[in-house]
């Protein structure tokens, strides 16, 4: 779409869908914007998401639990998650 200079606006509460697309995210509450930025930045920030009663995407929840083991907290892309896990596995061998 960017090469065609077109914009698509999607309104959804489905954070899994948004995480897959990883677009610019505008987070709203009661009709007011509470956050505006990259999907990765907003969808991995529990405090920001709580403002709009939105939960972390599942992959972000997993990586938040793995953070004490040295994994990054800002993962929302399943393919990035796979690469991080495989890289960690290789280092362990």
PDB file of N, CA and C in Angstrom:
ATOM      1  N   UNK A   1       0.810  -1.194   0.000  1.00  0.00           N
ATOM      2  CA  UNK A   1       0.000   0.000   0.000  1.00  0.00           C
ATOM      3  C   UNK A   1       0.859   1.266   0.000  1.00  0.00           C
ATOM      4  N   UNK A   2       2.010   1.196   0.679  1.00  0.00           N
ATOM      5  CA  UNK A   2       2.842   2.393   0.752  1.00  0.00           C
ATOM      6  C   UNK A   2       3.340   2.813  -0.617  1.00  0.00           C
ATOM      7  N   UNK A   3       3.654   1.832  -1.472  1.00  0.00           N
ATOM      8  CA  UNK A   3       4.134   2.186  -2.802  1.00  0.00           C
ATOM      9  C   UNK A   3       3.025   2.803  -3.643  1.00  0.00           C
ATOM     10  N   UNK A   4       1.769   2.489  -3.300  1.00  0.00           N
ATOM     11  CA  UNK A   4       0.628   3.054  -4.010  1.00  0.00           C
ATOM     12  C   UNK A   4       0.155   4.352  -3.372  1.00  0.00           C
ATOM     13  N   UNK A   5       0.820   4.754  -2.290  1.00  0.00           N
ATOM     14  CA  UNK A   5       0.474   5.973  -1.560  1.00  0.00           C
ATOM     15  C   UNK A   5      -0.984   5.948  -1.080  1.00  0.00           C
ATOM     16  N   UNK A   6      -1.344   4.788  -0.512  1.00  0.00           N
ATOM     17  CA  UNK A   6      -2.687   4.627   0.029  1.00  0.00           C
ATOM     18  C   UNK A   6      -2.591   4.278   1.508  1.00  0.00           C
ATOM     19  N   UNK A   7      -3.611   4.644   2.240  1.00  0.00           N
ATOM     20  CA  UNK A   7      -3.678   4.358   3.668  1.00  0.00           C
ATOM     21  C   UNK A   7      -4.933   3.551   3.947  1.00  0.00           C
ATOM     22  N   UNK A   8      -4.801   2.540   4.790  1.00  0.00           N
ATOM     23  CA  UNK A   8      -5.942   1.749   5.220  1.00  0.00           C
ATOM     24  C   UNK A   8      -6.086   1.955   6.721  1.00  0.00           C
ATOM     25  N   UNK A   9      -7.275   2.314   7.151  1.00  0.00           N
ATOM     26  CA  UNK A   9      -7.545   2.502   8.570  1.00  0.00           C
ATOM     27  C   UNK A   9      -8.419   1.338   9.028  1.00  0.00           C
ATOM     28  N   UNK A  10      -7.971   0.639  10.062  1.00  0.00           N
ATOM     29  CA  UNK A  10      -8.725  -0.473  10.623  1.00  0.00           C
ATOM     30  C   UNK A  10      -9.006  -0.163  12.081  1.00  0.00           C
ATOM     31  N   UNK A  11     -10.230  -0.331  12.487  1.00  0.00           N
ATOM     32  CA  UNK A  11     -10.606  -0.124  13.879  1.00  0.00           C
ATOM     33  C   UNK A  11     -10.926  -1.495  14.458  1.00  0.00           C
ATOM     34  N   UNK A  12     -10.192  -1.896  15.514  1.00  0.00           N
ATOM     35  CA  UNK A  12     -10.381  -3.225  16.079  1.00  0.00           C
ATOM     36  C   UNK A  12      -9.917  -3.271  17.529  1.00  0.00           C
ATOM     37  N   UNK A  13     -10.419  -4.255  18.253  1.00  0.00           N
ATOM     38  CA  UNK A  13      -9.945  -4.550  19.595  1.00  0.00           C
ATOM     39  C   UNK A  13      -9.101  -5.826  19.578  1.00  0.00           C
ATOM     40  N   UNK A  14      -8.878  -6.387  18.407  1.00  0.00           N
ATOM     41  CA  UNK A  14      -8.147  -7.650  18.254  1.00  0.00           C
ATOM     42  C   UNK A  14      -6.638  -7.382  18.217  1.00  0.00           C
ATOM     43  N   UNK A  15      -6.010  -7.448  19.393  1.00  0.00           N
ATOM     44  CA  UNK A  15      -4.571  -7.134  19.464  1.00  0.00           C
ATOM     45  C   UNK A  15      -3.728  -8.147  18.715  1.00  0.00           C
ATOM     46  N   UNK A  16      -4.196  -9.377  18.603  1.00  0.00           N
ATOM     47  CA  UNK A  16      -3.438 -10.390  17.857  1.00  0.00           C
ATOM     48  C   UNK A  16      -3.352 -10.002  16.382  1.00  0.00           C
ATOM     49  N   UNK A  17      -4.455  -9.539  15.827  1.00  0.00           N
ATOM     50  CA  UNK A  17      -4.479  -9.071  14.436  1.00  0.00           C
ATOM     51  C   UNK A  17      -3.550  -7.880  14.262  1.00  0.00           C
ATOM     52  N   UNK A  18      -3.633  -6.935  15.173  1.00  0.00           N
ATOM     53  CA  UNK A  18      -2.802  -5.733  15.090  1.00  0.00           C
ATOM     54  C   UNK A  18      -1.327  -6.104  15.202  1.00  0.00           C
ATOM     55  N   UNK A  19      -1.000  -7.033  16.104  1.00  0.00           N
ATOM     56  CA  UNK A  19       0.394  -7.461  16.274  1.00  0.00           C
ATOM     57  C   UNK A  19       0.924  -8.093  14.989  1.00  0.00           C
ATOM     58  N   UNK A  20       0.091  -8.854  14.299  1.00  0.00           N
ATOM     59  CA  UNK A  20       0.514  -9.477  13.036  1.00  0.00           C
ATOM     60  C   UNK A  20       0.817  -8.425  11.971  1.00  0.00           C
ATOM     61  N   UNK A  21       0.022  -7.377  11.945  1.00  0.00           N
ATOM     62  CA  UNK A  21       0.200  -6.333  10.932  1.00  0.00           C
ATOM     63  C   UNK A  21       1.342  -5.389  11.281  1.00  0.00           C
ATOM     64  N   UNK A  22       1.566  -5.193  12.574  1.00  0.00           N
ATOM     65  CA  UNK A  22       2.600  -4.307  13.102  1.00  0.00           C
ATOM     66  C   UNK A  22       2.601  -2.924  12.443  1.00  0.00           C
ATOM     67  N   UNK A  23       1.458  -2.303  12.418  1.00  0.00           N
ATOM     68  CA  UNK A  23       1.373  -0.967  11.810  1.00  0.00           C
ATOM     69  C   UNK A  23       1.577   0.129  12.843  1.00  0.00           C
ATOM     70  N   UNK A  24       1.326   1.323  12.420  1.00  0.00           N
ATOM     71  CA  UNK A  24       1.198   2.428  13.368  1.00  0.00           C
ATOM     72  C   UNK A  24      -0.094   2.169  14.142  1.00  0.00           C
ATOM     73  N   UNK A  25      -0.052   2.385  15.435  1.00  0.00           N
ATOM     74  CA  UNK A  25      -1.205   2.130  16.288  1.00  0.00           C
ATOM     75  C   UNK A  25      -1.633   3.426  16.968  1.00  0.00           C
ATOM     76  N   UNK A  26      -2.915   3.678  16.937  1.00  0.00           N
ATOM     77  CA  UNK A  26      -3.491   4.787  17.682  1.00  0.00           C
ATOM     78  C   UNK A  26      -4.409   4.156  18.717  1.00  0.00           C
ATOM     79  N   UNK A  27      -4.048   4.304  19.982  1.00  0.00           N
ATOM     80  CA  UNK A  27      -4.800   3.715  21.081  1.00  0.00           C
ATOM     81  C   UNK A  27      -5.733   4.774  21.642  1.00  0.00           C
ATOM     82  N   UNK A  28      -6.993   4.382  21.814  1.00  0.00           N
ATOM     83  CA  UNK A  28      -7.985   5.367  22.265  1.00  0.00           C
ATOM     84  C   UNK A  28      -8.727   4.869  23.498  1.00  0.00           C
ATOM     85  N   UNK A  29      -9.240   5.825  24.255  1.00  0.00           N
ATOM     86  CA  UNK A  29     -10.115   5.536  25.383  1.00  0.00           C
ATOM     87  C   UNK A  29     -11.147   6.650  25.450  1.00  0.00           C
ATOM     88  N   UNK A  30     -12.403   6.250  25.505  1.00  0.00           N
ATOM     89  CA  UNK A  30     -13.503   7.224  25.580  1.00  0.00           C
ATOM     90  C   UNK A  30     -13.416   8.284  24.481  1.00  0.00           C
ATOM     91  N   UNK A  31     -13.025   7.849  23.273  1.00  0.00           N
ATOM     92  CA  UNK A  31     -12.979   8.766  22.136  1.00  0.00           C
ATOM     93  C   UNK A  31     -11.764   9.676  22.087  1.00  0.00           C
ATOM     94  N   UNK A  32     -10.830   9.499  23.022  1.00  0.00           N
ATOM     95  CA  UNK A  32      -9.620  10.335  23.060  1.00  0.00           C
ATOM     96  C   UNK A  32      -8.382   9.479  22.811  1.00  0.00           C
ATOM     97  N   UNK A  33      -7.428  10.027  22.106  1.00  0.00           N
ATOM     98  CA  UNK A  33      -6.174   9.333  21.822  1.00  0.00           C
ATOM     99  C   UNK A  33      -5.316   9.327  23.082  1.00  0.00           C
ATOM    100  N   UNK A  34      -4.886   8.127  23.513  1.00  0.00           N
ATOM    101  CA  UNK A  34      -4.006   8.012  24.677  1.00  0.00           C
ATOM    102  C   UNK A  34      -2.594   7.588  24.273  1.00  0.00           C
ATOM    103  N   UNK A  35      -2.445   7.077  23.041  1.00  0.00           N
ATOM    104  CA  UNK A  35      -1.119   6.705  22.546  1.00  0.00           C
ATOM    105  C   UNK A  35      -1.150   6.645  21.025  1.00  0.00           C
ATOM    106  N   UNK A  36      -0.023   6.969  20.421  1.00  0.00           N
ATOM    107  CA  UNK A  36       0.090   6.964  18.966  1.00  0.00           C
ATOM    108  C   UNK A  36       1.544   6.643  18.637  1.00  0.00           C
ATOM    109  N   UNK A  37       1.771   5.542  17.936  1.00  0.00           N
ATOM    110  CA  UNK A  37       3.144   5.181  17.589  1.00  0.00           C
ATOM    111  C   UNK A  37       3.224   3.825  16.924  1.00  0.00           C
ATOM    112  N   UNK A  38       4.446   3.288  16.877  1.00  0.00           N
ATOM    113  CA  UNK A  38       4.668   1.976  16.275  1.00  0.00           C
ATOM    114  C   UNK A  38       3.967   0.904  17.092  1.00  0.00           C
ATOM    115  N   UNK A  39       3.442  -0.102  16.394  1.00  0.00           N
ATOM    116  CA  UNK A  39       2.752  -1.195  17.058  1.00  0.00           C
ATOM    117  C   UNK A  39       3.598  -1.856  18.129  1.00  0.00           C
ATOM    118  N   UNK A  40       4.858  -2.092  17.817  1.00  0.00           N
ATOM    119  CA  UNK A  40       5.758  -2.753  18.760  1.00  0.00           C
ATOM    120  C   UNK A  40       5.910  -1.940  20.046  1.00  0.00           C
ATOM    121  N   UNK A  41       5.987  -0.657  19.902  1.00  0.00           N
ATOM    122  CA  UNK A  41       6.156   0.238  21.057  1.00  0.00           C
ATOM    123  C   UNK A  41       4.913   0.230  21.959  1.00  0.00           C
ATOM    124  N   UNK A  42       3.755   0.313  21.344  1.00  0.00           N
ATOM    125  CA  UNK A  42       2.518   0.414  22.116  1.00  0.00           C
ATOM    126  C   UNK A  42       2.037  -0.941  22.610  1.00  0.00           C
ATOM    127  N   UNK A  43       2.106  -1.965  21.760  1.00  0.00           N
ATOM    128  CA  UNK A  43       1.557  -3.275  22.120  1.00  0.00           C
ATOM    129  C   UNK A  43       2.415  -4.057  23.103  1.00  0.00           C
ATOM    130  N   UNK A  44       3.566  -3.536  23.468  1.00  0.00           N
ATOM    131  CA  UNK A  44       4.390  -4.193  24.492  1.00  0.00           C
ATOM    132  C   UNK A  44       4.464  -3.361  25.765  1.00  0.00           C
ATOM    133  N   UNK A  45       3.626  -2.352  25.859  1.00  0.00           N
ATOM    134  CA  UNK A  45       3.608  -1.480  27.022  1.00  0.00           C
ATOM    135  C   UNK A  45       2.330  -1.738  27.830  1.00  0.00           C
ATOM    136  N   UNK A  46       2.413  -2.605  28.858  1.00  0.00           N
ATOM    137  CA  UNK A  46       1.214  -2.973  29.619  1.00  0.00           C
ATOM    138  C   UNK A  46       0.485  -1.777  30.228  1.00  0.00           C
ATOM    139  N   UNK A  47       1.220  -0.797  30.701  1.00  0.00           N
ATOM    140  CA  UNK A  47       0.600   0.378  31.322  1.00  0.00           C
ATOM    141  C   UNK A  47      -0.251   1.128  30.308  1.00  0.00           C
ATOM    142  N   UNK A  48       0.296   1.330  29.119  1.00  0.00           N
ATOM    143  CA  UNK A  48      -0.424   2.038  28.074  1.00  0.00           C
ATOM    144  C   UNK A  48      -1.678   1.265  27.656  1.00  0.00           C
ATOM    145  N   UNK A  49      -1.539  -0.059  27.527  1.00  0.00           N
ATOM    146  CA  UNK A  49      -2.666  -0.883  27.104  1.00  0.00           C
ATOM    147  C   UNK A  49      -3.775  -0.900  28.144  1.00  0.00           C
ATOM    148  N   UNK A  50      -3.392  -0.908  29.416  1.00  0.00           N
ATOM    149  CA  UNK A  50      -4.384  -0.903  30.498  1.00  0.00           C
ATOM    150  C   UNK A  50      -5.278   0.329  30.429  1.00  0.00           C
ATOM    151  N   UNK A  51      -4.727   1.453  29.983  1.00  0.00           N
ATOM    152  CA  UNK A  51      -5.524   2.677  29.854  1.00  0.00           C
ATOM    153  C   UNK A  51      -6.754   2.466  28.976  1.00  0.00           C
ATOM    154  N   UNK A  52      -6.626   1.575  28.002  1.00  0.00           N
ATOM    155  CA  UNK A  52      -7.724   1.317  27.076  1.00  0.00           C
ATOM    156  C   UNK A  52      -8.357  -0.053  27.285  1.00  0.00           C
ATOM    157  N   UNK A  53      -8.067  -0.671  28.413  1.00  0.00           N
ATOM    158  CA  UNK A  53      -8.617  -1.999  28.730  1.00  0.00           C
ATOM    159  C   UNK A  53      -8.273  -3.029  27.661  1.00  0.00           C
ATOM    160  N   UNK A  54      -7.047  -2.963  27.162  1.00  0.00           N
ATOM    161  CA  UNK A  54      -6.549  -3.897  26.151  1.00  0.00           C
ATOM    162  C   UNK A  54      -5.464  -4.750  26.805  1.00  0.00           C
ATOM    163  N   UNK A  55      -5.414  -6.037  26.464  1.00  0.00           N
ATOM    164  CA  UNK A  55      -4.385  -6.918  27.019  1.00  0.00           C
ATOM    165  C   UNK A  55      -3.222  -7.048  26.044  1.00  0.00           C
ATOM    166  N   UNK A  56      -2.064  -7.409  26.576  1.00  0.00           N
ATOM    167  CA  UNK A  56      -0.898  -7.649  25.730  1.00  0.00           C
ATOM    168  C   UNK A  56      -1.193  -8.773  24.741  1.00  0.00           C
ATOM    169  N   UNK A  57      -0.660  -8.692  23.528  1.00  0.00           N
ATOM    170  CA  UNK A  57      -0.768  -9.829  22.613  1.00  0.00           C
ATOM    171  C   UNK A  57      -0.129 -11.059  23.269  1.00  0.00           C
ATOM    172  N   UNK A  58      -0.579 -12.245  22.900  1.00  0.00           N
ATOM    173  CA  UNK A  58      -0.093 -13.469  23.539  1.00  0.00           C
ATOM    174  C   UNK A  58       1.420 -13.613  23.468  1.00  0.00           C
ATOM    175  N   UNK A  59       2.010 -13.321  22.322  1.00  0.00           N
ATOM    176  CA  UNK A  59       3.465 -13.476  22.196  1.00  0.00           C
ATOM    177  C   UNK A  59       4.192 -12.493  23.108  1.00  0.00           C
ATOM    178  N   UNK A  60       3.641 -11.304  23.293  1.00  0.00           N
ATOM    179  CA  UNK A  60       4.242 -10.328  24.204  1.00  0.00           C
ATOM    180  C   UNK A  60       4.123 -10.814  25.649  1.00  0.00           C
ATOM    181  N   UNK A  61       3.020 -11.470  25.978  1.00  0.00           N
ATOM    182  CA  UNK A  61       2.859 -12.033  27.316  1.00  0.00           C
ATOM    183  C   UNK A  61       3.926 -13.092  27.586  1.00  0.00           C
ATOM    184  N   UNK A  62       4.164 -13.943  26.595  1.00  0.00           N
ATOM    185  CA  UNK A  62       5.182 -14.992  26.741  1.00  0.00           C
ATOM    186  C   UNK A  62       6.560 -14.370  26.951  1.00  0.00           C
ATOM    187  N   UNK A  63       6.905 -13.392  26.131  1.00  0.00           N
ATOM    188  CA  UNK A  63       8.230 -12.791  26.241  1.00  0.00           C
ATOM    189  C   UNK A  63       8.386 -11.947  27.506  1.00  0.00           C
ATOM    190  N   UNK A  64       7.303 -11.403  28.025  1.00  0.00           N
ATOM    191  CA  UNK A  64       7.373 -10.721  29.315  1.00  0.00           C
ATOM    192  C   UNK A  64       7.726 -11.702  30.414  1.00  0.00           C
ATOM    193  N   UNK A  65       7.178 -12.909  30.341  1.00  0.00           N
ATOM    194  CA  UNK A  65       7.498 -13.950  31.327  1.00  0.00           C
ATOM    195  C   UNK A  65       8.937 -14.443  31.170  1.00  0.00           C
ATOM    196  N   UNK A  66       9.451 -14.408  29.947  1.00  0.00           N
ATOM    197  CA  UNK A  66      10.820 -14.867  29.681  1.00  0.00           C
ATOM    198  C   UNK A  66      11.881 -13.787  29.929  1.00  0.00           C
ATOM    199  N   UNK A  67      11.455 -12.561  30.132  1.00  0.00           N
ATOM    200  CA  UNK A  67      12.393 -11.439  30.318  1.00  0.00           C
ATOM    201  C   UNK A  67      13.423 -11.689  31.424  1.00  0.00           C
ATOM    202  N   UNK A  68      13.048 -12.278  32.565  1.00  0.00           N
ATOM    203  CA  UNK A  68      14.055 -12.530  33.602  1.00  0.00           C
ATOM    204  C   UNK A  68      15.186 -13.472  33.136  1.00  0.00           C
ATOM    205  N   UNK A  69      14.926 -14.216  32.056  1.00  0.00           N
ATOM    206  CA  UNK A  69      15.946 -15.118  31.505  1.00  0.00           C
ATOM    207  C   UNK A  69      16.772 -14.439  30.419  1.00  0.00           C
ATOM    208  N   UNK A  70      16.550 -13.140  30.212  1.00  0.00           N
ATOM    209  CA  UNK A  70      17.340 -12.388  29.243  1.00  0.00           C
ATOM    210  C   UNK A  70      16.675 -12.171  27.897  1.00  0.00           C
ATOM    211  N   UNK A  71      15.442 -12.593  27.752  1.00  0.00           N
ATOM    212  CA  UNK A  71      14.734 -12.383  26.492  1.00  0.00           C
ATOM    213  C   UNK A  71      14.192 -10.947  26.443  1.00  0.00           C
ATOM    214  N   UNK A  72      14.076 -10.377  25.242  1.00  0.00           N
ATOM    215  CA  UNK A  72      13.528  -9.018  25.118  1.00  0.00           C
ATOM    216  C   UNK A  72      12.032  -9.009  25.419  1.00  0.00           C
ATOM    217  N   UNK A  73      11.545  -7.890  25.937  1.00  0.00           N
ATOM    218  CA  UNK A  73      10.126  -7.755  26.252  1.00  0.00           C
ATOM    219  C   UNK A  73       9.311  -7.222  25.078  1.00  0.00           C
ATOM    220  N   UNK A  74       9.964  -6.633  24.094  1.00  0.00           N
ATOM    221  CA  UNK A  74       9.241  -5.924  23.031  1.00  0.00           C
ATOM    222  C   UNK A  74       9.016  -6.759  21.772  1.00  0.00           C
ATOM    223  N   UNK A  75       8.568  -7.993  21.960  1.00  0.00           N
ATOM    224  CA  UNK A  75       8.339  -8.887  20.820  1.00  0.00           C
ATOM    225  C   UNK A  75       6.835  -9.046  20.603  1.00  0.00           C
ATOM    226  N   UNK A  76       6.368  -8.708  19.407  1.00  0.00           N
ATOM    227  CA  UNK A  76       4.964  -8.932  19.057  1.00  0.00           C
ATOM    228  C   UNK A  76       4.834  -9.739  17.773  1.00  0.00           C
ATOM    229  N   UNK A  77       5.924  -9.915  17.066  1.00  0.00           N
ATOM    230  CA  UNK A  77       5.910 -10.619  15.791  1.00  0.00           C
ATOM    231  C   UNK A  77       6.314 -12.073  16.001  1.00  0.00           C
ATOM    232  N   UNK A  78       5.474 -12.991  15.572  1.00  0.00           N
ATOM    233  CA  UNK A  78       5.713 -14.416  15.785  1.00  0.00           C
ATOM    234  C   UNK A  78       6.992 -14.887  15.083  1.00  0.00           C
ATOM    235  N   UNK A  79       7.300 -14.315  13.930  1.00  0.00           N
ATOM    236  CA  UNK A  79       8.509 -14.717  13.203  1.00  0.00           C
ATOM    237  C   UNK A  79       9.761 -14.210  13.916  1.00  0.00           C
ATOM    238  N   UNK A  80       9.696 -13.018  14.464  1.00  0.00           N
ATOM    239  CA  UNK A  80      10.812 -12.502  15.262  1.00  0.00           C
ATOM    240  C   UNK A  80      10.994 -13.374  16.501  1.00  0.00           C
ATOM    241  N   UNK A  81       9.891 -13.760  17.131  1.00  0.00           N
ATOM    242  CA  UNK A  81       9.946 -14.621  18.318  1.00  0.00           C
ATOM    243  C   UNK A  81      10.630 -15.941  17.985  1.00  0.00           C
ATOM    244  N   UNK A  82      10.260 -16.511  16.865  1.00  0.00           N
ATOM    245  CA  UNK A  82      10.862 -17.785  16.436  1.00  0.00           C
ATOM    246  C   UNK A  82      12.372 -17.634  16.264  1.00  0.00           C
ATOM    247  N   UNK A  83      12.799 -16.566  15.606  1.00  0.00           N
ATOM    248  CA  UNK A  83      14.229 -16.350  15.385  1.00  0.00           C
ATOM    249  C   UNK A  83      14.982 -16.173  16.705  1.00  0.00           C
ATOM    250  N   UNK A  84      14.402 -15.452  17.643  1.00  0.00           N
ATOM    251  CA  UNK A  84      15.035 -15.233  18.944  1.00  0.00           C
ATOM    252  C   UNK A  84      15.180 -16.557  19.685  1.00  0.00           C
ATOM    253  N   UNK A  85      14.139 -17.352  19.674  1.00  0.00           N
ATOM    254  CA  UNK A  85      14.167 -18.645  20.371  1.00  0.00           C
ATOM    255  C   UNK A  85      15.171 -19.586  19.718  1.00  0.00           C
ATOM    256  N   UNK A  86      15.185 -19.649  18.389  1.00  0.00           N
ATOM    257  CA  UNK A  86      16.145 -20.518  17.699  1.00  0.00           C
ATOM    258  C   UNK A  86      17.585 -20.076  17.951  1.00  0.00           C
ATOM    259  N   UNK A  87      17.820 -18.767  17.943  1.00  0.00           N
ATOM    260  CA  UNK A  87      19.158 -18.238  18.209  1.00  0.00           C
ATOM    261  C   UNK A  87      19.601 -18.601  19.631  1.00  0.00           C
ATOM    262  N   UNK A  88      18.690 -18.479  20.573  1.00  0.00           N
ATOM    263  CA  UNK A  88      18.986 -18.824  21.966  1.00  0.00           C
ATOM    264  C   UNK A  88      19.277 -20.312  22.098  1.00  0.00           C
ATOM    265  N   UNK A  89      18.520 -21.123  21.387  1.00  0.00           N
ATOM    266  CA  UNK A  89      18.716 -22.575  21.414  1.00  0.00           C
ATOM    267  C   UNK A  89      20.094 -22.929  20.867  1.00  0.00           C
ATOM    268  N   UNK A  90      20.495 -22.286  19.757  1.00  0.00           N
ATOM    269  CA  UNK A  90      21.812 -22.539  19.166  1.00  0.00           C
ATOM    270  C   UNK A  90      22.939 -22.189  20.116  1.00  0.00           C
ATOM    271  N   UNK A  91      22.786 -21.068  20.834  1.00  0.00           N
ATOM    272  CA  UNK A  91      23.814 -20.656  21.790  1.00  0.00           C
ATOM    273  C   UNK A  91      23.931 -21.656  22.937  1.00  0.00           C
ATOM    274  N   UNK A  92      22.813 -22.279  23.302  1.00  0.00           N
ATOM    275  CA  UNK A  92      22.800 -23.219  24.430  1.00  0.00           C
ATOM    276  C   UNK A  92      23.454 -24.536  24.064  1.00  0.00           C
ATOM    277  N   UNK A  93      23.534 -24.837  22.779  1.00  0.00           N
ATOM    278  CA  UNK A  93      24.118 -26.125  22.341  1.00  0.00           C
ATOM    279  C   UNK A  93      25.588 -26.065  22.285  1.00  0.00           C
TER     280      UNK A  93
END
